[in-house]
Amino acid sequence: MAKILIAEDDEIMRITVKDRLEKDNWDVDAVHNGREAVDCLKKQRYQLVISDIRMPLLDGWGLLGFIRKHSPDTAMLMMTSYGTDETTKTLACEAVDYILKPFDMDDLVGKIQDILDQKGKEGG
């Protein structure tokens, strides 16, 4: 079973995503910001981190930097409400994938499954 970490400062979004992913039988932890996510990543291994970009204390970019340096086998899916061409191009280069808010939960689940399937093929 894949272990997934959600970093999202919006409580309703965090709870909604966590509940849906648990319904789909993934093992999910959820935290309020990037700093809490870093604490979790220091304690255990995750196959995937789903992170908002704009969060207090440590944003999604800072979290991505930590993951690249300290947990390079962990995939990252970024969530953003700011879908400019520049943002989406940068996200596509830096993270495994991204999803624009608001999104359909089925689309999110599909992206997660694709990422985890790819990691499985790579032996990650």
Protein backbone atom coordinates (compact mmCIF):
# COMPACT_ATOMS: atom_id res chain seq x y z
CA MET A 1 0.00 0.00 0.00
CA ALA A 2 1.37 3.38 -1.00
CA LYS A 3 2.13 5.89 1.74
CA ILE A 4 1.03 9.44 0.79
CA LEU A 5 1.59 12.75 2.58
CA ILE A 6 -0.67 15.76 1.99
CA ALA A 7 0.58 19.26 2.84
CA GLU A 8 -2.29 21.74 2.56
CA ASP A 9 -3.09 24.73 4.76
CA ASP A 10 -6.78 24.85 3.82
CA GLU A 11 -8.45 22.54 6.34
CA ILE A 12 -11.47 21.66 4.20
CA MET A 13 -9.30 20.80 1.20
CA ARG A 14 -6.87 18.79 3.36
CA ILE A 15 -9.63 16.74 5.01
CA THR A 16 -11.54 16.23 1.76
CA VAL A 17 -8.48 14.95 -0.12
CA LYS A 18 -7.33 12.77 2.79
CA ASP A 19 -10.77 11.17 3.17
CA ARG A 20 -11.04 10.44 -0.55
CA LEU A 21 -7.57 8.89 -0.77
CA GLU A 22 -8.20 6.73 2.29
CA LYS A 23 -11.46 5.60 0.68
CA ASP A 24 -9.32 4.43 -2.25
CA ASN A 25 -7.19 2.39 0.18
CA TRP A 26 -4.08 4.53 0.35
CA ASP A 27 -2.28 5.14 3.65
CA VAL A 28 -2.46 8.93 4.08
CA ASP A 29 -1.03 11.47 6.50
CA ALA A 30 -2.05 15.13 6.27
CA VAL A 31 -0.35 18.23 7.66
CA HIS A 32 -0.98 21.99 7.68
CA ASN A 33 2.24 23.27 6.07
CA GLY A 34 5.58 22.42 4.54
CA ARG A 35 7.45 22.53 7.84
CA GLU A 36 5.19 19.82 9.29
CA ALA A 37 5.65 17.84 6.07
CA VAL A 38 9.44 18.00 6.49
CA ASP A 39 9.06 16.66 10.04
CA CYS A 40 7.03 13.73 8.69
CA LEU A 41 9.54 13.06 5.91
CA LYS A 42 12.34 12.88 8.48
CA LYS A 43 10.46 10.14 10.37
CA GLN A 44 9.16 7.91 7.58
CA ARG A 45 9.22 7.17 3.88
CA TYR A 46 6.47 8.31 1.52
CA GLN A 47 5.99 7.28 -2.08
CA LEU A 48 4.17 10.54 -2.86
CA VAL A 49 3.78 14.01 -1.38
CA ILE A 50 0.84 16.12 -2.51
CA SER A 51 1.48 19.76 -1.67
CA ASP A 52 -0.15 23.12 -2.10
CA ILE A 53 2.27 25.74 -3.38
CA ARG A 54 1.22 28.62 -1.12
CA MET A 55 1.39 27.67 2.56
CA PRO A 56 2.66 29.36 5.71
CA LEU A 57 6.04 28.58 7.31
CA LEU A 58 7.38 26.59 4.35
CA ASP A 59 5.73 26.73 0.94
CA GLY A 60 5.49 24.01 -1.67
CA TRP A 61 8.68 25.16 -3.44
CA GLY A 62 10.65 24.90 -0.18
CA LEU A 63 9.17 21.47 0.46
CA LEU A 64 10.09 20.36 -3.06
CA GLY A 65 13.67 21.49 -2.44
CA PHE A 66 13.82 19.43 0.75
CA ILE A 67 12.43 16.36 -1.00
CA ARG A 68 14.88 16.66 -3.92
CA LYS A 69 17.79 16.82 -1.48
CA HIS A 70 16.76 14.44 1.30
CA SER A 71 14.15 12.08 -0.18
CA PRO A 72 14.76 11.93 -3.93
CA ASP A 73 12.75 8.72 -4.34
CA THR A 74 9.61 10.51 -3.19
CA ALA A 75 7.38 11.76 -6.00
CA MET A 76 5.66 15.13 -5.69
CA LEU A 77 2.33 16.35 -6.98
CA MET A 78 1.74 20.10 -6.61
CA MET A 79 -1.66 21.74 -6.23
CA THR A 80 -2.17 25.35 -7.24
CA SER A 81 -4.93 27.86 -7.81
CA TYR A 82 -2.57 29.95 -9.93
CA GLY A 83 -2.55 28.42 -13.38
CA THR A 84 -0.51 30.84 -15.45
CA ASP A 85 1.53 29.40 -18.29
CA GLU A 86 4.72 30.20 -16.39
CA THR A 87 3.54 28.42 -13.25
CA THR A 88 2.36 25.34 -15.07
CA LYS A 89 5.55 25.07 -17.14
CA THR A 90 7.69 25.44 -14.03
CA LEU A 91 5.64 22.86 -12.17
CA ALA A 92 5.88 20.40 -15.02
CA CYS A 93 9.68 20.70 -14.92
CA GLU A 94 10.16 20.64 -11.15
CA ALA A 95 7.48 18.32 -9.80
CA VAL A 96 6.28 14.99 -11.10
CA ASP A 97 2.92 16.53 -11.90
CA TYR A 98 0.53 19.29 -10.89
CA ILE A 99 -3.19 19.83 -10.65
CA LEU A 100 -5.06 23.12 -10.81
CA LYS A 101 -7.60 23.98 -8.12
CA PRO A 102 -10.49 23.52 -8.11
CA PHE A 103 -10.18 19.97 -9.38
CA ASP A 104 -12.37 16.92 -9.67
CA MET A 105 -11.40 14.27 -7.11
CA ASP A 106 -11.49 11.57 -9.80
CA ASP A 107 -8.89 13.55 -11.77
CA LEU A 108 -6.68 13.76 -8.68
CA VAL A 109 -7.02 10.03 -8.01
CA GLY A 110 -6.15 9.31 -11.66
CA LYS A 111 -3.00 11.45 -11.45
CA ILE A 112 -1.96 9.77 -8.21
CA GLN A 113 -2.48 6.31 -9.68
CA ASP A 114 -0.45 7.24 -12.77
CA ILE A 115 2.41 8.55 -10.61
CA LEU A 116 2.43 5.47 -8.38
CA ASP A 117 2.21 3.13 -11.39
CA GLN A 118 5.19 4.90 -12.96
CA LYS A 119 7.16 4.68 -9.70
CA GLY A 120 6.38 0.95 -9.58
CA LYS A 121 7.77 0.49 -13.08
CA GLU A 122 10.92 2.39 -12.09
CA GLY A 123 11.33 0.30 -8.96
CA GLY A 124 10.64 3.29 -6.68
